[in-house]
Amino acid sequence: MAQPDDMLDDDDYPAYTMGRAAEIVGASQDFLRRLDEAKLFTPFRSAGGHRRYSRYQLRLAARAREMVDHGTALEAACRIIILEDQLEEALRHHQNRQNHQQADAA
């Protein structure tokens, strides 16, 4: 089992209940359910079936709320965020690959 300090630093640890997550994001619980339905992310489920959210998921939800507040349709906002996330991951992978190639050449 992970140590408490490890969980506090883990962006993916599902620490927040739906009510607390909605409060932090500044959105309704229904909004968070709709993000799940739109497949922006899938919250962890507790043994009792309750949704639990990570800090990473809360950042995505806050970004989606911001976009929706500015007039972007929810589904479009989710798609944009997913594509941004995929691009960021691809850029990280590319940078790591370049770093390894430079290290191998040295």
PDB file of N, CA and C in Angstrom:
ATOM      1  N   MET A   1       0.843  -1.182   0.000  1.00  0.00           N
ATOM      2  CA  MET A   1       0.000   0.000   0.000  1.00  0.00           C
ATOM      3  C   MET A   1       0.884   1.239   0.000  1.00  0.00           C
ATOM      4  N   ALA A   2       0.476   2.265  -0.733  1.00  0.00           N
ATOM      5  CA  ALA A   2       1.241   3.507  -0.820  1.00  0.00           C
ATOM      6  C   ALA A   2       1.240   4.222   0.527  1.00  0.00           C
ATOM      7  N   GLN A   3       2.330   4.893   0.794  1.00  0.00           N
ATOM      8  CA  GLN A   3       2.447   5.685   2.021  1.00  0.00           C
ATOM      9  C   GLN A   3       1.631   6.966   1.877  1.00  0.00           C
ATOM     10  N   PRO A   4       1.101   7.510   2.995  1.00  0.00           N
ATOM     11  CA  PRO A   4       0.288   8.733   2.919  1.00  0.00           C
ATOM     12  C   PRO A   4       0.978   9.886   2.199  1.00  0.00           C
ATOM     13  N   ASP A   5       2.278  10.082   2.431  1.00  0.00           N
ATOM     14  CA  ASP A   5       2.992  11.165   1.754  1.00  0.00           C
ATOM     15  C   ASP A   5       3.017  10.950   0.249  1.00  0.00           C
ATOM     16  N   ASP A   6       3.140   9.691  -0.193  1.00  0.00           N
ATOM     17  CA  ASP A   6       3.133   9.390  -1.622  1.00  0.00           C
ATOM     18  C   ASP A   6       1.784   9.743  -2.231  1.00  0.00           C
ATOM     19  N   MET A   7       0.700   9.473  -1.523  1.00  0.00           N
ATOM     20  CA  MET A   7      -0.638   9.750  -2.037  1.00  0.00           C
ATOM     21  C   MET A   7      -0.890  11.260  -2.123  1.00  0.00           C
ATOM     22  N   LEU A   8      -0.338  12.015  -1.177  1.00  0.00           N
ATOM     23  CA  LEU A   8      -0.533  13.461  -1.189  1.00  0.00           C
ATOM     24  C   LEU A   8       0.128  14.107  -2.403  1.00  0.00           C
ATOM     25  N   ASP A   9       1.215  13.530  -2.866  1.00  0.00           N
ATOM     26  CA  ASP A   9       1.942  14.077  -4.007  1.00  0.00           C
ATOM     27  C   ASP A   9       1.489  13.487  -5.343  1.00  0.00           C
ATOM     28  N   ASP A  10       0.612  12.507  -5.307  1.00  0.00           N
ATOM     29  CA  ASP A  10       0.175  11.795  -6.514  1.00  0.00           C
ATOM     30  C   ASP A  10      -1.006  12.506  -7.156  1.00  0.00           C
ATOM     31  N   ASP A  11      -0.792  13.098  -8.334  1.00  0.00           N
ATOM     32  CA  ASP A  11      -1.865  13.795  -9.058  1.00  0.00           C
ATOM     33  C   ASP A  11      -2.989  12.859  -9.494  1.00  0.00           C
ATOM     34  N   ASP A  12      -2.708  11.559  -9.549  1.00  0.00           N
ATOM     35  CA  ASP A  12      -3.706  10.597 -10.016  1.00  0.00           C
ATOM     36  C   ASP A  12      -4.442   9.885  -8.882  1.00  0.00           C
ATOM     37  N   TYR A  13      -4.093  10.186  -7.635  1.00  0.00           N
ATOM     38  CA  TYR A  13      -4.757   9.546  -6.505  1.00  0.00           C
ATOM     39  C   TYR A  13      -6.178  10.097  -6.370  1.00  0.00           C
ATOM     40  N   PRO A  14      -7.193   9.226  -6.358  1.00  0.00           N
ATOM     41  CA  PRO A  14      -8.597   9.678  -6.313  1.00  0.00           C
ATOM     42  C   PRO A  14      -9.022  10.104  -4.908  1.00  0.00           C
ATOM     43  N   ALA A  15      -8.658  11.308  -4.525  1.00  0.00           N
ATOM     44  CA  ALA A  15      -8.836  11.770  -3.153  1.00  0.00           C
ATOM     45  C   ALA A  15     -10.132  12.528  -2.905  1.00  0.00           C
ATOM     46  N   TYR A  16     -10.814  12.964  -3.958  1.00  0.00           N
ATOM     47  CA  TYR A  16     -11.942  13.878  -3.783  1.00  0.00           C
ATOM     48  C   TYR A  16     -13.282  13.232  -4.103  1.00  0.00           C
ATOM     49  N   THR A  17     -14.227  13.419  -3.200  1.00  0.00           N
ATOM     50  CA  THR A  17     -15.595  12.957  -3.450  1.00  0.00           C
ATOM     51  C   THR A  17     -16.217  13.841  -4.522  1.00  0.00           C
ATOM     52  N   MET A  18     -17.322  13.403  -5.063  1.00  0.00           N
ATOM     53  CA  MET A  18     -17.984  14.183  -6.100  1.00  0.00           C
ATOM     54  C   MET A  18     -18.391  15.564  -5.577  1.00  0.00           C
ATOM     55  N   GLY A  19     -18.940  15.614  -4.379  1.00  0.00           N
ATOM     56  CA  GLY A  19     -19.367  16.889  -3.820  1.00  0.00           C
ATOM     57  C   GLY A  19     -18.214  17.861  -3.653  1.00  0.00           C
ATOM     58  N   ARG A  20     -17.101  17.358  -3.109  1.00  0.00           N
ATOM     59  CA  ARG A  20     -15.925  18.207  -2.917  1.00  0.00           C
ATOM     60  C   ARG A  20     -15.318  18.596  -4.252  1.00  0.00           C
ATOM     61  N   ALA A  21     -15.276  17.675  -5.202  1.00  0.00           N
ATOM     62  CA  ALA A  21     -14.737  17.966  -6.532  1.00  0.00           C
ATOM     63  C   ALA A  21     -15.554  19.065  -7.210  1.00  0.00           C
ATOM     64  N   ALA A  22     -16.878  18.966  -7.125  1.00  0.00           N
ATOM     65  CA  ALA A  22     -17.744  19.984  -7.731  1.00  0.00           C
ATOM     66  C   ALA A  22     -17.489  21.345  -7.086  1.00  0.00           C
ATOM     67  N   GLU A  23     -17.310  21.346  -5.782  1.00  0.00           N
ATOM     68  CA  GLU A  23     -17.044  22.602  -5.059  1.00  0.00           C
ATOM     69  C   GLU A  23     -15.718  23.212  -5.510  1.00  0.00           C
ATOM     70  N   ILE A  24     -14.691  22.395  -5.622  1.00  0.00           N
ATOM     71  CA  ILE A  24     -13.370  22.877  -6.024  1.00  0.00           C
ATOM     72  C   ILE A  24     -13.402  23.436  -7.446  1.00  0.00           C
ATOM     73  N   VAL A  25     -14.078  22.721  -8.344  1.00  0.00           N
ATOM     74  CA  VAL A  25     -14.134  23.116  -9.749  1.00  0.00           C
ATOM     75  C   VAL A  25     -15.073  24.306  -9.956  1.00  0.00           C
ATOM     76  N   GLY A  26     -16.028  24.460  -9.058  1.00  0.00           N
ATOM     77  CA  GLY A  26     -17.009  25.524  -9.215  1.00  0.00           C
ATOM     78  C   GLY A  26     -18.093  25.145 -10.200  1.00  0.00           C
ATOM     79  N   ALA A  27     -18.448  23.881 -10.179  1.00  0.00           N
ATOM     80  CA  ALA A  27     -19.461  23.353 -11.101  1.00  0.00           C
ATOM     81  C   ALA A  27     -20.410  22.458 -10.324  1.00  0.00           C
ATOM     82  N   SER A  28     -21.460  22.044 -10.973  1.00  0.00           N
ATOM     83  CA  SER A  28     -22.421  21.146 -10.329  1.00  0.00           C
ATOM     84  C   SER A  28     -21.935  19.698 -10.420  1.00  0.00           C
ATOM     85  N   GLN A  29     -22.515  18.865  -9.590  1.00  0.00           N
ATOM     86  CA  GLN A  29     -22.216  17.436  -9.664  1.00  0.00           C
ATOM     87  C   GLN A  29     -22.679  16.873 -10.996  1.00  0.00           C
ATOM     88  N   ASP A  30     -23.774  17.388 -11.521  1.00  0.00           N
ATOM     89  CA  ASP A  30     -24.261  16.954 -12.831  1.00  0.00           C
ATOM     90  C   ASP A  30     -23.232  17.262 -13.917  1.00  0.00           C
ATOM     91  N   PHE A  31     -22.566  18.406 -13.821  1.00  0.00           N
ATOM     92  CA  PHE A  31     -21.533  18.759 -14.789  1.00  0.00           C
ATOM     93  C   PHE A  31     -20.426  17.708 -14.779  1.00  0.00           C
ATOM     94  N   LEU A  32     -20.010  17.281 -13.584  1.00  0.00           N
ATOM     95  CA  LEU A  32     -18.976  16.245 -13.490  1.00  0.00           C
ATOM     96  C   LEU A  32     -19.460  14.925 -14.087  1.00  0.00           C
ATOM     97  N   ARG A  33     -20.718  14.581 -13.863  1.00  0.00           N
ATOM     98  CA  ARG A  33     -21.274  13.358 -14.475  1.00  0.00           C
ATOM     99  C   ARG A  33     -21.249  13.460 -15.995  1.00  0.00           C
ATOM    100  N   ARG A  34     -21.563  14.632 -16.504  1.00  0.00           N
ATOM    101  CA  ARG A  34     -21.575  14.830 -17.964  1.00  0.00           C
ATOM    102  C   ARG A  34     -20.169  14.720 -18.553  1.00  0.00           C
ATOM    103  N   LEU A  35     -19.155  15.142 -17.797  1.00  0.00           N
ATOM    104  CA  LEU A  35     -17.769  14.979 -18.266  1.00  0.00           C
ATOM    105  C   LEU A  35     -17.410  13.503 -18.368  1.00  0.00           C
ATOM    106  N   ASP A  36     -17.894  12.722 -17.421  1.00  0.00           N
ATOM    107  CA  ASP A  36     -17.690  11.272 -17.450  1.00  0.00           C
ATOM    108  C   ASP A  36     -18.393  10.690 -18.682  1.00  0.00           C
ATOM    109  N   GLU A  37     -19.632  11.100 -18.919  1.00  0.00           N
ATOM    110  CA  GLU A  37     -20.390  10.617 -20.080  1.00  0.00           C
ATOM    111  C   GLU A  37     -19.718  11.018 -21.394  1.00  0.00           C
ATOM    112  N   ALA A  38     -19.106  12.204 -21.415  1.00  0.00           N
ATOM    113  CA  ALA A  38     -18.414  12.686 -22.613  1.00  0.00           C
ATOM    114  C   ALA A  38     -17.025  12.066 -22.752  1.00  0.00           C
ATOM    115  N   LYS A  39     -16.648  11.228 -21.794  1.00  0.00           N
ATOM    116  CA  LYS A  39     -15.392  10.476 -21.798  1.00  0.00           C
ATOM    117  C   LYS A  39     -14.157  11.372 -21.695  1.00  0.00           C
ATOM    118  N   LEU A  40     -14.314  12.536 -21.013  1.00  0.00           N
ATOM    119  CA  LEU A  40     -13.126  13.347 -20.748  1.00  0.00           C
ATOM    120  C   LEU A  40     -12.217  12.596 -19.787  1.00  0.00           C
ATOM    121  N   PHE A  41     -12.818  11.938 -18.811  1.00  0.00           N
ATOM    122  CA  PHE A  41     -12.108  11.073 -17.880  1.00  0.00           C
ATOM    123  C   PHE A  41     -13.116  10.133 -17.243  1.00  0.00           C
ATOM    124  N   THR A  42     -12.609   9.077 -16.641  1.00  0.00           N
ATOM    125  CA  THR A  42     -13.456   8.139 -15.919  1.00  0.00           C
ATOM    126  C   THR A  42     -13.027   8.161 -14.459  1.00  0.00           C
ATOM    127  N   PRO A  43     -13.879   8.691 -13.596  1.00  0.00           N
ATOM    128  CA  PRO A  43     -13.490   8.742 -12.185  1.00  0.00           C
ATOM    129  C   PRO A  43     -13.397   7.342 -11.585  1.00  0.00           C
ATOM    130  N   PHE A  44     -12.542   7.222 -10.590  1.00  0.00           N
ATOM    131  CA  PHE A  44     -12.421   5.992  -9.822  1.00  0.00           C
ATOM    132  C   PHE A  44     -13.736   5.769  -9.077  1.00  0.00           C
ATOM    133  N   ARG A  45     -14.099   4.527  -8.851  1.00  0.00           N
ATOM    134  CA  ARG A  45     -15.292   4.214  -8.062  1.00  0.00           C
ATOM    135  C   ARG A  45     -14.869   3.555  -6.755  1.00  0.00           C
ATOM    136  N   SER A  46     -15.429   4.061  -5.664  1.00  0.00           N
ATOM    137  CA  SER A  46     -15.158   3.455  -4.357  1.00  0.00           C
ATOM    138  C   SER A  46     -15.854   2.104  -4.283  1.00  0.00           C
ATOM    139  N   ALA A  47     -15.605   1.358  -3.221  1.00  0.00           N
ATOM    140  CA  ALA A  47     -16.253   0.058  -3.046  1.00  0.00           C
ATOM    141  C   ALA A  47     -17.766   0.196  -3.039  1.00  0.00           C
ATOM    142  N   GLY A  48     -18.263   1.335  -2.581  1.00  0.00           N
ATOM    143  CA  GLY A  48     -19.701   1.585  -2.554  1.00  0.00           C
ATOM    144  C   GLY A  48     -20.238   2.146  -3.857  1.00  0.00           C
ATOM    145  N   GLY A  49     -19.372   2.327  -4.860  1.00  0.00           N
ATOM    146  CA  GLY A  49     -19.801   2.812  -6.167  1.00  0.00           C
ATOM    147  C   GLY A  49     -19.785   4.328  -6.318  1.00  0.00           C
ATOM    148  N   HIS A  50     -19.274   5.038  -5.319  1.00  0.00           N
ATOM    149  CA  HIS A  50     -19.233   6.497  -5.390  1.00  0.00           C
ATOM    150  C   HIS A  50     -18.037   6.959  -6.212  1.00  0.00           C
ATOM    151  N   ARG A  51     -18.265   8.006  -7.000  1.00  0.00           N
ATOM    152  CA  ARG A  51     -17.181   8.559  -7.815  1.00  0.00           C
ATOM    153  C   ARG A  51     -16.159   9.264  -6.930  1.00  0.00           C
ATOM    154  N   ARG A  52     -14.873   9.080  -7.286  1.00  0.00           N
ATOM    155  CA  ARG A  52     -13.771   9.753  -6.606  1.00  0.00           C
ATOM    156  C   ARG A  52     -12.884  10.361  -7.688  1.00  0.00           C
ATOM    157  N   TYR A  53     -12.403  11.570  -7.447  1.00  0.00           N
ATOM    158  CA  TYR A  53     -11.654  12.319  -8.457  1.00  0.00           C
ATOM    159  C   TYR A  53     -10.243  12.634  -7.993  1.00  0.00           C
ATOM    160  N   SER A  54      -9.328  12.669  -8.941  1.00  0.00           N
ATOM    161  CA  SER A  54      -7.939  13.032  -8.670  1.00  0.00           C
ATOM    162  C   SER A  54      -7.725  14.516  -8.968  1.00  0.00           C
ATOM    163  N   ARG A  55      -6.590  15.026  -8.522  1.00  0.00           N
ATOM    164  CA  ARG A  55      -6.257  16.428  -8.828  1.00  0.00           C
ATOM    165  C   ARG A  55      -6.132  16.630 -10.327  1.00  0.00           C
ATOM    166  N   TYR A  56      -5.560  15.663 -11.023  1.00  0.00           N
ATOM    167  CA  TYR A  56      -5.437  15.765 -12.479  1.00  0.00           C
ATOM    168  C   TYR A  56      -6.822  15.880 -13.123  1.00  0.00           C
ATOM    169  N   GLN A  57      -7.763  15.056 -12.701  1.00  0.00           N
ATOM    170  CA  GLN A  57      -9.116  15.113 -13.246  1.00  0.00           C
ATOM    171  C   GLN A  57      -9.789  16.440 -12.909  1.00  0.00           C
ATOM    172  N   LEU A  58      -9.515  16.975 -11.723  1.00  0.00           N
ATOM    173  CA  LEU A  58     -10.088  18.272 -11.356  1.00  0.00           C
ATOM    174  C   LEU A  58      -9.547  19.382 -12.248  1.00  0.00           C
ATOM    175  N   ARG A  59      -8.276  19.308 -12.615  1.00  0.00           N
ATOM    176  CA  ARG A  59      -7.724  20.314 -13.537  1.00  0.00           C
ATOM    177  C   ARG A  59      -8.409  20.228 -14.901  1.00  0.00           C
ATOM    178  N   LEU A  60      -8.643  19.013 -15.380  1.00  0.00           N
ATOM    179  CA  LEU A  60      -9.352  18.844 -16.657  1.00  0.00           C
ATOM    180  C   LEU A  60     -10.779  19.378 -16.553  1.00  0.00           C
ATOM    181  N   ALA A  61     -11.450  19.076 -15.445  1.00  0.00           N
ATOM    182  CA  ALA A  61     -12.822  19.539 -15.251  1.00  0.00           C
ATOM    183  C   ALA A  61     -12.883  21.063 -15.183  1.00  0.00           C
ATOM    184  N   ALA A  62     -11.912  21.676 -14.509  1.00  0.00           N
ATOM    185  CA  ALA A  62     -11.883  23.136 -14.415  1.00  0.00           C
ATOM    186  C   ALA A  62     -11.665  23.753 -15.791  1.00  0.00           C
ATOM    187  N   ARG A  63     -10.812  23.141 -16.588  1.00  0.00           N
ATOM    188  CA  ARG A  63     -10.576  23.627 -17.966  1.00  0.00           C
ATOM    189  C   ARG A  63     -11.854  23.502 -18.786  1.00  0.00           C
ATOM    190  N   ALA A  64     -12.551  22.387 -18.656  1.00  0.00           N
ATOM    191  CA  ALA A  64     -13.808  22.191 -19.381  1.00  0.00           C
ATOM    192  C   ALA A  64     -14.853  23.209 -18.936  1.00  0.00           C
ATOM    193  N   ARG A  65     -14.961  23.441 -17.642  1.00  0.00           N
ATOM    194  CA  ARG A  65     -15.921  24.420 -17.138  1.00  0.00           C
ATOM    195  C   ARG A  65     -15.620  25.804 -17.695  1.00  0.00           C
ATOM    196  N   GLU A  66     -14.341  26.160 -17.725  1.00  0.00           N
ATOM    197  CA  GLU A  66     -13.926  27.457 -18.267  1.00  0.00           C
ATOM    198  C   GLU A  66     -14.337  27.591 -19.739  1.00  0.00           C
ATOM    199  N   MET A  67     -14.095  26.544 -20.512  1.00  0.00           N
ATOM    200  CA  MET A  67     -14.433  26.580 -21.932  1.00  0.00           C
ATOM    201  C   MET A  67     -15.944  26.669 -22.138  1.00  0.00           C
ATOM    202  N   VAL A  68     -16.684  25.888 -21.367  1.00  0.00           N
ATOM    203  CA  VAL A  68     -18.151  25.905 -21.471  1.00  0.00           C
ATOM    204  C   VAL A  68     -18.684  27.272 -21.062  1.00  0.00           C
ATOM    205  N   ASP A  69     -18.106  27.846 -20.020  1.00  0.00           N
ATOM    206  CA  ASP A  69     -18.517  29.182 -19.579  1.00  0.00           C
ATOM    207  C   ASP A  69     -18.297  30.234 -20.660  1.00  0.00           C
ATOM    208  N   HIS A  70     -17.338  29.987 -21.554  1.00  0.00           N
ATOM    209  CA  HIS A  70     -17.054  30.921 -22.644  1.00  0.00           C
ATOM    210  C   HIS A  70     -17.773  30.549 -23.941  1.00  0.00           C
ATOM    211  N   GLY A  71     -18.723  29.611 -23.852  1.00  0.00           N
ATOM    212  CA  GLY A  71     -19.579  29.326 -24.996  1.00  0.00           C
ATOM    213  C   GLY A  71     -19.259  28.099 -25.819  1.00  0.00           C
ATOM    214  N   THR A  72     -18.252  27.342 -25.438  1.00  0.00           N
ATOM    215  CA  THR A  72     -17.923  26.124 -26.171  1.00  0.00           C
ATOM    216  C   THR A  72     -18.860  25.006 -25.723  1.00  0.00           C
ATOM    217  N   ALA A  73     -19.370  24.257 -26.662  1.00  0.00           N
ATOM    218  CA  ALA A  73     -20.230  23.119 -26.333  1.00  0.00           C
ATOM    219  C   ALA A  73     -19.430  22.109 -25.507  1.00  0.00           C
ATOM    220  N   LEU A  74     -20.091  21.455 -24.564  1.00  0.00           N
ATOM    221  CA  LEU A  74     -19.419  20.523 -23.661  1.00  0.00           C
ATOM    222  C   LEU A  74     -18.647  19.448 -24.420  1.00  0.00           C
ATOM    223  N   GLU A  75     -19.283  18.823 -25.400  1.00  0.00           N
ATOM    224  CA  GLU A  75     -18.623  17.745 -26.144  1.00  0.00           C
ATOM    225  C   GLU A  75     -17.397  18.265 -26.884  1.00  0.00           C
ATOM    226  N   ALA A  76     -17.514  19.471 -27.457  1.00  0.00           N
ATOM    227  CA  ALA A  76     -16.377  20.069 -28.165  1.00  0.00           C
ATOM    228  C   ALA A  76     -15.255  20.393 -27.180  1.00  0.00           C
ATOM    229  N   ALA A  77     -15.606  20.943 -26.027  1.00  0.00           N
ATOM    230  CA  ALA A  77     -14.602  21.263 -25.012  1.00  0.00           C
ATOM    231  C   ALA A  77     -13.856  20.001 -24.597  1.00  0.00           C
ATOM    232  N   CYS A  78     -14.577  18.929 -24.364  1.00  0.00           N
ATOM    233  CA  CYS A  78     -13.946  17.668 -23.958  1.00  0.00           C
ATOM    234  C   CYS A  78     -13.011  17.158 -25.039  1.00  0.00           C
ATOM    235  N   ARG A  79     -13.439  17.237 -26.279  1.00  0.00           N
ATOM    236  CA  ARG A  79     -12.603  16.765 -27.390  1.00  0.00           C
ATOM    237  C   ARG A  79     -11.330  17.597 -27.505  1.00  0.00           C
ATOM    238  N   ILE A  80     -11.471  18.912 -27.372  1.00  0.00           N
ATOM    239  CA  ILE A  80     -10.309  19.805 -27.429  1.00  0.00           C
ATOM    240  C   ILE A  80      -9.328  19.462 -26.312  1.00  0.00           C
ATOM    241  N   ILE A  81      -9.831  19.282 -25.107  1.00  0.00           N
ATOM    242  CA  ILE A  81      -8.969  18.983 -23.961  1.00  0.00           C
ATOM    243  C   ILE A  81      -8.268  17.642 -24.151  1.00  0.00           C
ATOM    244  N   ILE A  82      -8.985  16.658 -24.658  1.00  0.00           N
ATOM    245  CA  ILE A  82      -8.379  15.349 -24.921  1.00  0.00           C
ATOM    246  C   ILE A  82      -7.255  15.480 -25.951  1.00  0.00           C
ATOM    247  N   LEU A  83      -7.508  16.226 -27.022  1.00  0.00           N
ATOM    248  CA  LEU A  83      -6.483  16.414 -28.045  1.00  0.00           C
ATOM    249  C   LEU A  83      -5.285  17.193 -27.507  1.00  0.00           C
ATOM    250  N   GLU A  84      -5.540  18.222 -26.679  1.00  0.00           N
ATOM    251  CA  GLU A  84      -4.438  18.961 -26.061  1.00  0.00           C
ATOM    252  C   GLU A  84      -3.598  18.032 -25.192  1.00  0.00           C
ATOM    253  N   ASP A  85      -4.257  17.178 -24.437  1.00  0.00           N
ATOM    254  CA  ASP A  85      -3.566  16.236 -23.559  1.00  0.00           C
ATOM    255  C   ASP A  85      -2.732  15.246 -24.372  1.00  0.00           C
ATOM    256  N   GLN A  86      -3.291  14.756 -25.471  1.00  0.00           N
ATOM    257  CA  GLN A  86      -2.557  13.821 -26.325  1.00  0.00           C
ATOM    258  C   GLN A  86      -1.344  14.500 -26.959  1.00  0.00           C
ATOM    259  N   LEU A  87      -1.516  15.749 -27.379  1.00  0.00           N
ATOM    260  CA  LEU A  87      -0.401  16.487 -27.962  1.00  0.00           C
ATOM    261  C   LEU A  87       0.701  16.702 -26.936  1.00  0.00           C
ATOM    262  N   GLU A  88       0.331  17.086 -25.730  1.00  0.00           N
ATOM    263  CA  GLU A  88       1.313  17.292 -24.675  1.00  0.00           C
ATOM    264  C   GLU A  88       2.086  16.005 -24.395  1.00  0.00           C
ATOM    265  N   GLU A  89       1.386  14.885 -24.344  1.00  0.00           N
ATOM    266  CA  GLU A  89       2.041  13.587 -24.106  1.00  0.00           C
ATOM    267  C   GLU A  89       2.985  13.242 -25.260  1.00  0.00           C
ATOM    268  N   ALA A  90       2.567  13.492 -26.497  1.00  0.00           N
ATOM    269  CA  ALA A  90       3.414  13.212 -27.655  1.00  0.00           C
ATOM    270  C   ALA A  90       4.665  14.093 -27.637  1.00  0.00           C
ATOM    271  N   LEU A  91       4.507  15.352 -27.276  1.00  0.00           N
ATOM    272  CA  LEU A  91       5.656  16.258 -27.194  1.00  0.00           C
ATOM    273  C   LEU A  91       6.624  15.812 -26.096  1.00  0.00           C
ATOM    274  N   ARG A  92       6.085  15.361 -24.959  1.00  0.00           N
ATOM    275  CA  ARG A  92       6.935  14.847 -23.873  1.00  0.00           C
ATOM    276  C   ARG A  92       7.708  13.608 -24.334  1.00  0.00           C
ATOM    277  N   HIS A  93       6.998  12.722 -25.024  1.00  0.00           N
ATOM    278  CA  HIS A  93       7.633  11.499 -25.525  1.00  0.00           C
ATOM    279  C   HIS A  93       8.746  11.851 -26.516  1.00  0.00           C
ATOM    280  N   HIS A  94       8.460  12.783 -27.404  1.00  0.00           N
ATOM    281  CA  HIS A  94       9.447  13.206 -28.397  1.00  0.00           C
ATOM    282  C   HIS A  94      10.680  13.811 -27.715  1.00  0.00           C
ATOM    283  N   GLN A  95      10.447  14.660 -26.713  1.00  0.00           N
ATOM    284  CA  GLN A  95      11.560  15.285 -25.996  1.00  0.00           C
ATOM    285  C   GLN A  95      12.402  14.243 -25.266  1.00  0.00           C
ATOM    286  N   ASN A  96      11.742  13.283 -24.630  1.00  0.00           N
ATOM    287  CA  ASN A  96      12.478  12.207 -23.947  1.00  0.00           C
ATOM    288  C   ASN A  96      13.312  11.404 -24.929  1.00  0.00           C
ATOM    289  N   ARG A  97      12.750  11.151 -26.093  1.00  0.00           N
ATOM    290  CA  ARG A  97      13.460  10.397 -27.122  1.00  0.00           C
ATOM    291  C   ARG A  97      14.693  11.168 -27.602  1.00  0.00           C
ATOM    292  N   GLN A  98      14.527  12.466 -27.812  1.00  0.00           N
ATOM    293  CA  GLN A  98      15.666  13.291 -28.227  1.00  0.00           C
ATOM    294  C   GLN A  98      16.748  13.314 -27.140  1.00  0.00           C
ATOM    295  N   ASN A  99      16.329  13.419 -25.887  1.00  0.00           N
ATOM    296  CA  ASN A  99      17.284  13.429 -24.781  1.00  0.00           C
ATOM    297  C   ASN A  99      18.074  12.130 -24.729  1.00  0.00           C
ATOM    298  N   HIS A 100      17.399  10.983 -24.953  1.00  0.00           N
ATOM    299  CA  HIS A 100      18.089   9.703 -24.938  1.00  0.00           C
ATOM    300  C   HIS A 100      19.053   9.584 -26.105  1.00  0.00           C
ATOM    301  N   GLN A 101      18.639  10.069 -27.272  1.00  0.00           N
ATOM    302  CA  GLN A 101      19.528  10.015 -28.444  1.00  0.00           C
ATOM    303  C   GLN A 101      20.757  10.871 -28.228  1.00  0.00           C
ATOM    304  N   GLN A 102      20.581  12.057 -27.614  1.00  0.00           N
ATOM    305  CA  GLN A 102      21.726  12.931 -27.341  1.00  0.00           C
ATOM    306  C   GLN A 102      22.657  12.294 -26.305  1.00  0.00           C
ATOM    307  N   ALA A 103      22.071  11.638 -25.311  1.00  0.00           N
ATOM    308  CA  ALA A 103      22.891  10.969 -24.290  1.00  0.00           C
ATOM    309  C   ALA A 103      23.667   9.808 -24.888  1.00  0.00           C
ATOM    310  N   ASP A 104      23.021   9.052 -25.806  1.00  0.00           N
ATOM    311  CA  ASP A 104      23.699   7.939 -26.458  1.00  0.00           C
ATOM    312  C   ASP A 104      24.827   8.412 -27.372  1.00  0.00           C
ATOM    313  N   ALA A 105      24.657   9.580 -27.987  1.00  0.00           N
ATOM    314  CA  ALA A 105      25.659  10.112 -28.895  1.00  0.00           C
ATOM    315  C   ALA A 105      26.874  10.675 -28.137  1.00  0.00           C
ATOM    316  N   ALA A 106      26.674  11.028 -26.904  1.00  0.00           N
ATOM    317  CA  ALA A 106      27.768  11.646 -26.107  1.00  0.00           C
ATOM    318  C   ALA A 106      28.730  10.640 -25.551  1.00  0.00           C
TER     319      ALA A 106
END
